[in-house]
C-alpha atoms as a PDB file:
ATOM      1  CA  MET A   1     -31.190 -53.237  -8.553  1.00  0.00           C
ATOM      2  CA  ILE A   2     -28.765 -51.676 -11.367  1.00  0.00           C
ATOM      3  CA  SER A   3     -30.885 -48.818 -12.310  1.00  0.00           C
ATOM      4  CA  THR A   4     -31.120 -47.722  -8.443  1.00  0.00           C
ATOM      5  CA  ALA A   5     -27.390 -47.787  -8.125  1.00  0.00           C
ATOM      6  CA  SER A   6     -27.060 -45.865 -11.405  1.00  0.00           C
ATOM      7  CA  GLY A   7     -29.108 -43.212 -10.177  1.00  0.00           C
ATOM      8  CA  LEU A   8     -27.378 -42.827  -7.159  1.00  0.00           C
ATOM      9  CA  GLU A   9     -24.193 -42.570  -8.822  1.00  0.00           C
ATOM     10  CA  LEU A  10     -25.344 -40.139 -11.169  1.00  0.00           C
ATOM     11  CA  PHE A  11     -26.936 -37.988  -8.019  1.00  0.00           C
ATOM     12  CA  LEU A  12     -23.272 -38.322  -6.522  1.00  0.00           C
ATOM     13  CA  PHE A  13     -22.013 -37.291  -9.526  1.00  0.00           C
ATOM     14  CA  TYR A  14     -23.598 -34.263 -10.493  1.00  0.00           C
ATOM     15  CA  SER A  15     -23.681 -32.927  -6.551  1.00  0.00           C
ATOM     16  CA  TYR A  16     -19.911 -33.248  -6.743  1.00  0.00           C
ATOM     17  CA  GLN A  17     -19.867 -31.183 -10.108  1.00  0.00           C
ATOM     18  CA  VAL A  18     -22.413 -28.450  -8.425  1.00  0.00           C
ATOM     19  CA  LEU A  19     -20.165 -28.509  -5.610  1.00  0.00           C
ATOM     20  CA  ILE A  20     -16.780 -28.118  -7.711  1.00  0.00           C
ATOM     21  CA  ARG A  21     -18.391 -25.397  -9.634  1.00  0.00           C
ATOM     22  CA  GLU A  22     -19.285 -23.659  -6.668  1.00  0.00           C
ATOM     23  CA  GLN A  23     -15.825 -23.697  -5.481  1.00  0.00           C
ATOM     24  CA  GLU A  24     -14.614 -22.085  -8.564  1.00  0.00           C
ATOM     25  CA  ILE A  25     -17.025 -19.441  -8.039  1.00  0.00           C
ATOM     26  CA  TYR A  26     -16.086 -18.300  -4.339  1.00  0.00           C
ATOM     27  CA  LEU A  27     -12.085 -18.545  -5.937  1.00  0.00           C
ATOM     28  CA  SER A  28     -13.057 -16.427  -8.758  1.00  0.00           C
ATOM     29  CA  CYS A  29     -15.149 -13.730  -6.739  1.00  0.00           C
ATOM     30  CA  SER A  30     -12.072 -13.613  -4.138  1.00  0.00           C
ATOM     31  CA  LEU A  31      -9.689 -13.030  -6.783  1.00  0.00           C
ATOM     32  CA  ASP A  32     -11.478 -10.236  -8.664  1.00  0.00           C
ATOM     33  CA  ILE A  33     -11.771  -8.593  -5.087  1.00  0.00           C
ATOM     34  CA  LEU A  34      -8.130  -8.865  -4.289  1.00  0.00           C
ATOM     35  CA  CYS A  35      -7.440  -7.739  -7.812  1.00  0.00           C
ATOM     36  CA  GLN A  36      -9.842  -4.916  -7.052  1.00  0.00           C
ATOM     37  CA  TYR A  37      -7.784  -3.780  -4.167  1.00  0.00           C
ATOM     38  CA  ASN A  38      -4.399  -4.344  -5.894  1.00  0.00           C
ATOM     39  CA  ILE A  39      -3.546  -6.902  -3.401  1.00  0.00           C
ATOM     40  CA  PRO A  40      -1.293  -8.900  -5.686  1.00  0.00           C
ATOM     41  CA  GLN A  41       0.856  -5.609  -6.535  1.00  0.00           C
ATOM     42  CA  THR A  42       0.876  -4.481  -2.863  1.00  0.00           C
ATOM     43  CA  VAL A  43       2.665  -7.650  -1.530  1.00  0.00           C
ATOM     44  CA  PRO A  44       6.123  -7.493  -1.979  1.00  0.00           C
ATOM     45  CA  GLU A  45       7.685  -9.700  -4.827  1.00  0.00           C
ATOM     46  CA  LYS A  46      10.123 -10.728  -2.618  1.00  0.00           C
ATOM     47  CA  GLY A  47       9.430 -11.377   1.248  1.00  0.00           C
ATOM     48  CA  GLU A  48       6.118 -10.982   3.001  1.00  0.00           C
ATOM     49  CA  ILE A  49       3.584  -8.681   4.676  1.00  0.00           C
ATOM     50  CA  SER A  50       1.478  -9.034   7.375  1.00  0.00           C
ATOM     51  CA  PHE A  51      -2.300  -8.864   6.672  1.00  0.00           C
ATOM     52  CA  GLU A  52      -2.695  -5.793   8.932  1.00  0.00           C
ATOM     53  CA  ASP A  53      -0.147  -3.630   6.794  1.00  0.00           C
ATOM     54  CA  LEU A  54      -1.920  -5.226   3.868  1.00  0.00           C
ATOM     55  CA  SER A  55      -5.292  -4.278   4.932  1.00  0.00           C
ATOM     56  CA  GLU A  56      -4.131  -0.723   6.021  1.00  0.00           C
ATOM     57  CA  LYS A  57      -2.816  -0.063   2.389  1.00  0.00           C
ATOM     58  CA  SER A  58      -5.056  -1.326   0.381  1.00  0.00           C
ATOM     59  CA  GLY A  59      -8.427   0.097   2.086  1.00  0.00           C
ATOM     60  CA  LEU A  60      -9.757  -3.738   2.246  1.00  0.00           C
ATOM     61  CA  LYS A  61     -11.303  -4.703   5.805  1.00  0.00           C
ATOM     62  CA  LEU A  62      -9.048  -7.060   7.478  1.00  0.00           C
ATOM     63  CA  ASP A  63     -11.440  -9.779   8.342  1.00  0.00           C
ATOM     64  CA  LEU A  64     -12.300  -9.787   4.752  1.00  0.00           C
ATOM     65  CA  LEU A  65      -8.747  -9.784   3.253  1.00  0.00           C
ATOM     66  CA  ALA A  66      -8.019 -12.721   5.682  1.00  0.00           C
ATOM     67  CA  ARG A  67     -10.980 -14.664   4.195  1.00  0.00           C
ATOM     68  CA  PHE A  68     -10.205 -13.953   0.929  1.00  0.00           C
ATOM     69  CA  LEU A  69      -6.587 -14.219   0.741  1.00  0.00           C
ATOM     70  CA  ARG A  70      -6.857 -17.710   2.962  1.00  0.00           C
ATOM     71  CA  LEU A  71      -9.168 -19.024   0.106  1.00  0.00           C
ATOM     72  CA  ALA A  72      -6.506 -18.359  -2.416  1.00  0.00           C
ATOM     73  CA  ILE A  73      -3.643 -19.535  -0.162  1.00  0.00           C
ATOM     74  CA  CYS A  74      -5.930 -23.111  -0.144  1.00  0.00           C
ATOM     75  CA  ASN A  75      -5.730 -22.945  -4.033  1.00  0.00           C
ATOM     76  CA  TYR A  76      -1.740 -22.164  -4.082  1.00  0.00           C
ATOM     77  CA  ILE A  77      -2.350 -18.505  -5.057  1.00  0.00           C
ATOM     78  CA  PHE A  78      -0.162 -16.667  -2.414  1.00  0.00           C
ATOM     79  CA  ALA A  79       1.402 -18.569   0.652  1.00  0.00           C
ATOM     80  CA  GLU A  80       1.228 -18.044   4.377  1.00  0.00           C
ATOM     81  CA  PRO A  81       4.551 -18.184   5.309  1.00  0.00           C
ATOM     82  CA  LYS A  82       3.632 -17.781   9.343  1.00  0.00           C
ATOM     83  CA  SER A  83       0.361 -16.835  10.614  1.00  0.00           C
ATOM     84  CA  GLY A  84      -1.066 -13.441   9.491  1.00  0.00           C
ATOM     85  CA  TYR A  85       1.680 -13.018   7.002  1.00  0.00           C
ATOM     86  CA  VAL A  86       1.127 -13.516   2.987  1.00  0.00           C
ATOM     87  CA  ALA A  87       3.638 -13.853   0.096  1.00  0.00           C
ATOM     88  CA  HIS A  88       3.726 -14.532  -3.578  1.00  0.00           C
ATOM     89  CA  THR A  89       3.874 -17.786  -5.275  1.00  0.00           C
ATOM     90  CA  ALA A  90       4.241 -18.255  -8.684  1.00  0.00           C
ATOM     91  CA  ARG A  91       0.512 -17.811  -9.825  1.00  0.00           C
ATOM     92  CA  SER A  92       0.206 -14.561  -7.555  1.00  0.00           C
ATOM     93  CA  LEU A  93       3.198 -13.027  -9.416  1.00  0.00           C
ATOM     94  CA  ILE A  94       1.351 -13.629 -12.794  1.00  0.00           C
ATOM     95  CA  MET A  95      -1.501 -11.232 -11.146  1.00  0.00           C
ATOM     96  CA  ALA A  96       0.948  -8.710  -9.448  1.00  0.00           C
ATOM     97  CA  ARG A  97       2.722  -8.238 -12.783  1.00  0.00           C
ATOM     98  CA  GLY A  98       0.087  -8.441 -15.282  1.00  0.00           C
ATOM     99  CA  GLU A  99       1.757 -11.302 -17.349  1.00  0.00           C
ATOM    100  CA  ASN A 100      -1.397 -11.978 -19.144  1.00  0.00           C
ATOM    101  CA  ALA A 101      -0.853 -11.225 -22.940  1.00  0.00           C
ATOM    102  CA  GLY A 102      -0.386  -7.644 -22.386  1.00  0.00           C
ATOM    103  CA  VAL A 103      -3.388  -7.226 -20.331  1.00  0.00           C
ATOM    104  CA  GLY A 104      -2.516  -5.109 -17.185  1.00  0.00           C
ATOM    105  CA  PRO A 105      -3.522  -6.567 -13.786  1.00  0.00           C
ATOM    106  CA  SER A 106      -7.136  -6.983 -13.853  1.00  0.00           C
ATOM    107  CA  PHE A 107      -9.950  -9.750 -13.364  1.00  0.00           C
ATOM    108  CA  VAL A 108      -8.847 -10.926 -16.305  1.00  0.00           C
ATOM    109  CA  SER A 109      -5.519 -11.527 -15.026  1.00  0.00           C
ATOM    110  CA  CYS A 110      -6.859 -13.357 -12.040  1.00  0.00           C
ATOM    111  CA  ALA A 111      -8.948 -15.657 -14.033  1.00  0.00           C
ATOM    112  CA  ALA A 112      -5.823 -16.492 -16.152  1.00  0.00           C
ATOM    113  CA  VAL A 113      -4.229 -17.639 -12.978  1.00  0.00           C
ATOM    114  CA  LEU A 114      -6.992 -20.482 -12.576  1.00  0.00           C
ATOM    115  CA  GLN A 115      -5.692 -21.415 -15.916  1.00  0.00           C
ATOM    116  CA  PHE A 116      -2.245 -21.877 -14.410  1.00  0.00           C
END
C-alpha cells in the first residue's frame, strides 16, 4: 500500500512540475512576441492605452495582442485597469526601459522580468 501511495504522489508531483514548466514556456513565448512588436515601449509609462490602439500602432493582430497581454497580466506583467486597456506595472516598466544590465529592450529584458 505504501509503494502505491508513493507512486501516486510521484506521478502527481511530476505532473504538476510539467504543468508549471509548460506555463513558464507559454509566458516566455508571449513576452518574446510582445517585445518583438515593441509593446512595452508603446504602452505609455503613465496612463493606459486601448488594446485596439496598441494593435494599430504595433502591427500585432488584436486577437493575438489581447491573448499575449492577458497572459502577461495574469502574471503581474502589465495591468488591465479597465476592460480592453493596458497599463504598466513595475515589471513591464523593466522591459520598456531596458533595465537589464545595459541590455536594450529585447527577449533578454523580457526574460529578466521572470526573475523579478
